[in-house]
């Protein structure tokens, strides 16, 4: 194993700061995309428009704790 591989391997059990930032930005992007779905598609995935508004209003860093393990 060379030094580049060692430095880029994530620590087991906990994502890096960069990993958490990527997760937060992806979460923000996914929440924003929910607003672009038609009402019939929201019903298909089991969400109401009120639930979507609530989800989109959450801060981008607010993700379930099990996502961060």
N, C-alpha and C. Protein backbone atom coordinates (compact mmCIF):
# COMPACT_ATOMS: atom_id res chain seq x y z
N UNK A 1 0.85 -1.18 0.00
CA UNK A 1 0.00 0.00 0.00
C UNK A 1 0.89 1.23 0.00
N UNK A 2 0.65 2.15 -0.88
CA UNK A 2 1.48 3.35 -0.92
C UNK A 2 0.90 4.45 -0.04
N UNK A 3 1.63 5.51 0.13
CA UNK A 3 1.24 6.60 1.02
C UNK A 3 -0.05 7.29 0.57
N UNK A 4 -0.28 7.41 -0.74
CA UNK A 4 -1.50 8.06 -1.24
C UNK A 4 -2.74 7.28 -0.84
N UNK A 5 -2.64 5.97 -0.87
CA UNK A 5 -3.77 5.13 -0.48
C UNK A 5 -4.05 5.27 1.00
N UNK A 6 -3.02 5.31 1.79
CA UNK A 6 -3.19 5.43 3.24
C UNK A 6 -3.85 6.76 3.60
N UNK A 7 -3.45 7.84 2.95
CA UNK A 7 -4.00 9.15 3.28
C UNK A 7 -5.44 9.32 2.82
N UNK A 8 -5.88 8.61 1.81
CA UNK A 8 -7.24 8.80 1.31
C UNK A 8 -8.23 7.80 1.88
N UNK A 9 -7.79 6.84 2.65
CA UNK A 9 -8.70 5.87 3.24
C UNK A 9 -9.48 6.53 4.36
N UNK A 10 -10.80 6.41 4.33
CA UNK A 10 -11.58 7.01 5.41
C UNK A 10 -11.39 6.24 6.71
N UNK A 11 -11.52 6.94 7.81
CA UNK A 11 -11.46 6.27 9.10
C UNK A 11 -12.71 5.44 9.29
N UNK A 12 -12.58 4.24 9.77
CA UNK A 12 -13.76 3.40 9.96
C UNK A 12 -14.66 3.96 11.05
N UNK A 13 -15.95 3.90 10.82
CA UNK A 13 -16.92 4.29 11.83
C UNK A 13 -17.35 5.73 11.84
N UNK A 14 -16.58 6.61 11.23
CA UNK A 14 -16.94 8.02 11.27
C UNK A 14 -16.49 8.72 9.99
N UNK A 15 -17.42 9.38 9.29
CA UNK A 15 -17.01 10.06 8.06
C UNK A 15 -16.13 11.27 8.35
N UNK A 16 -15.30 11.60 7.41
CA UNK A 16 -14.42 12.76 7.54
C UNK A 16 -15.24 14.04 7.45
N UNK A 17 -14.59 15.14 7.74
CA UNK A 17 -15.25 16.44 7.63
C UNK A 17 -15.70 16.67 6.19
N UNK A 18 -14.85 16.32 5.24
CA UNK A 18 -15.22 16.47 3.84
C UNK A 18 -16.40 15.56 3.50
N UNK A 19 -16.41 14.37 4.03
CA UNK A 19 -17.53 13.45 3.80
C UNK A 19 -18.83 13.99 4.36
N UNK A 20 -18.75 14.60 5.54
CA UNK A 20 -19.96 15.19 6.14
C UNK A 20 -20.45 16.39 5.32
N UNK A 21 -19.52 17.18 4.82
CA UNK A 21 -19.90 18.32 3.98
C UNK A 21 -20.57 17.85 2.70
N UNK A 22 -20.00 16.84 2.07
CA UNK A 22 -20.62 16.27 0.87
C UNK A 22 -22.02 15.76 1.15
N UNK A 23 -22.19 15.08 2.29
CA UNK A 23 -23.50 14.56 2.67
C UNK A 23 -24.49 15.70 2.88
N UNK A 24 -24.05 16.76 3.56
CA UNK A 24 -24.93 17.90 3.82
C UNK A 24 -25.35 18.58 2.52
N UNK A 25 -24.42 18.76 1.61
CA UNK A 25 -24.76 19.41 0.33
C UNK A 25 -25.65 18.52 -0.53
N UNK A 26 -25.41 17.22 -0.51
CA UNK A 26 -26.28 16.30 -1.26
C UNK A 26 -27.68 16.30 -0.66
N UNK A 27 -27.77 16.36 0.66
CA UNK A 27 -29.07 16.42 1.32
C UNK A 27 -29.82 17.68 0.92
N UNK A 28 -29.12 18.79 0.89
CA UNK A 28 -29.74 20.06 0.47
C UNK A 28 -30.26 19.96 -0.96
N UNK A 29 -29.44 19.39 -1.82
CA UNK A 29 -29.83 19.24 -3.23
C UNK A 29 -31.04 18.32 -3.38
N UNK A 30 -31.07 17.22 -2.65
CA UNK A 30 -32.19 16.29 -2.73
C UNK A 30 -33.47 16.91 -2.19
N UNK A 31 -33.35 17.64 -1.10
CA UNK A 31 -34.54 18.30 -0.55
C UNK A 31 -35.08 19.34 -1.52
N UNK A 32 -34.20 20.06 -2.17
CA UNK A 32 -34.64 21.07 -3.14
C UNK A 32 -35.34 20.41 -4.32
N UNK A 33 -34.84 19.26 -4.74
CA UNK A 33 -35.45 18.56 -5.88
C UNK A 33 -36.85 18.05 -5.55
N UNK A 34 -37.13 17.83 -4.28
CA UNK A 34 -38.49 17.43 -3.90
C UNK A 34 -39.51 18.48 -4.33
N UNK A 35 -39.12 19.76 -4.29
CA UNK A 35 -40.05 20.83 -4.66
C UNK A 35 -40.37 20.82 -6.15
N UNK A 36 -39.55 20.15 -6.93
CA UNK A 36 -39.75 20.10 -8.38
C UNK A 36 -40.68 18.96 -8.81
N UNK A 37 -41.02 18.07 -7.88
CA UNK A 37 -41.86 16.93 -8.23
C UNK A 37 -43.33 17.33 -8.32
N UNK A 38 -44.03 16.74 -9.26
CA UNK A 38 -45.47 16.96 -9.39
C UNK A 38 -46.19 16.31 -8.21
N UNK A 39 -47.38 16.84 -7.86
CA UNK A 39 -48.14 16.29 -6.72
C UNK A 39 -48.41 14.79 -6.84
N UNK A 40 -48.67 14.30 -8.04
CA UNK A 40 -48.94 12.86 -8.17
C UNK A 40 -47.69 12.03 -7.89
N UNK A 41 -46.51 12.58 -8.19
CA UNK A 41 -45.27 11.87 -7.86
C UNK A 41 -45.01 11.90 -6.36
N UNK A 42 -45.34 13.01 -5.71
CA UNK A 42 -45.20 13.07 -4.26
C UNK A 42 -46.11 12.05 -3.59
N UNK A 43 -47.34 11.95 -4.06
CA UNK A 43 -48.25 10.94 -3.51
C UNK A 43 -47.71 9.54 -3.73
N UNK A 44 -47.07 9.34 -4.87
CA UNK A 44 -46.52 8.02 -5.19
C UNK A 44 -45.42 7.61 -4.20
N UNK A 45 -44.65 8.57 -3.72
CA UNK A 45 -43.60 8.24 -2.76
C UNK A 45 -44.06 8.47 -1.32
N UNK A 46 -45.33 8.80 -1.14
CA UNK A 46 -45.91 8.90 0.20
C UNK A 46 -45.66 10.20 0.93
N UNK A 47 -45.49 11.29 0.19
CA UNK A 47 -45.28 12.60 0.81
C UNK A 47 -46.38 13.57 0.41
N UNK A 48 -46.77 14.40 1.36
CA UNK A 48 -47.73 15.46 1.05
C UNK A 48 -46.93 16.73 0.75
N UNK A 49 -47.60 17.72 0.19
CA UNK A 49 -46.91 18.98 -0.10
C UNK A 49 -46.47 19.66 1.19
N UNK A 50 -47.25 19.50 2.26
CA UNK A 50 -46.87 20.08 3.56
C UNK A 50 -45.60 19.42 4.10
N UNK A 51 -45.49 18.11 3.93
CA UNK A 51 -44.28 17.40 4.38
C UNK A 51 -43.05 17.85 3.58
N UNK A 52 -43.26 18.09 2.30
CA UNK A 52 -42.15 18.57 1.46
C UNK A 52 -41.72 19.96 1.91
N UNK A 53 -42.68 20.85 2.17
CA UNK A 53 -42.34 22.20 2.64
C UNK A 53 -41.56 22.15 3.94
N UNK A 54 -41.97 21.26 4.85
CA UNK A 54 -41.26 21.11 6.11
C UNK A 54 -39.84 20.60 5.87
N UNK A 55 -39.71 19.58 5.04
CA UNK A 55 -38.40 18.98 4.76
C UNK A 55 -37.45 20.00 4.13
N UNK A 56 -37.96 20.79 3.20
CA UNK A 56 -37.12 21.78 2.51
C UNK A 56 -36.71 22.90 3.47
N UNK A 57 -37.53 23.20 4.46
CA UNK A 57 -37.20 24.28 5.40
C UNK A 57 -36.14 23.87 6.42
N UNK A 58 -35.83 22.59 6.53
CA UNK A 58 -34.81 22.13 7.48
C UNK A 58 -33.42 22.57 7.01
N UNK A 59 -32.53 22.86 7.94
CA UNK A 59 -31.16 23.24 7.55
C UNK A 59 -30.46 22.08 6.85
N UNK A 60 -29.55 22.38 5.93
CA UNK A 60 -28.91 21.34 5.13
C UNK A 60 -28.06 20.40 5.97
N UNK A 61 -27.62 20.85 7.14
CA UNK A 61 -26.80 19.97 7.98
C UNK A 61 -27.65 19.07 8.86
N UNK A 62 -28.96 19.27 8.88
CA UNK A 62 -29.86 18.49 9.72
C UNK A 62 -30.19 17.17 9.02
N UNK A 63 -29.43 16.16 9.34
CA UNK A 63 -29.65 14.81 8.77
C UNK A 63 -29.79 13.83 9.93
N UNK A 64 -30.42 12.69 9.69
CA UNK A 64 -30.52 11.69 10.76
C UNK A 64 -29.14 11.26 11.25
N UNK A 65 -29.02 11.00 12.54
CA UNK A 65 -27.74 10.62 13.12
C UNK A 65 -27.17 9.35 12.52
N UNK A 66 -28.03 8.41 12.11
CA UNK A 66 -27.51 7.15 11.56
C UNK A 66 -26.83 7.37 10.21
N UNK A 67 -27.05 8.51 9.56
CA UNK A 67 -26.35 8.82 8.31
C UNK A 67 -24.90 9.19 8.58
N UNK A 68 -24.61 9.63 9.79
CA UNK A 68 -23.27 10.14 10.11
C UNK A 68 -22.34 9.07 10.67
N UNK A 69 -22.82 7.88 10.87
CA UNK A 69 -21.97 6.80 11.41
C UNK A 69 -21.16 6.15 10.37
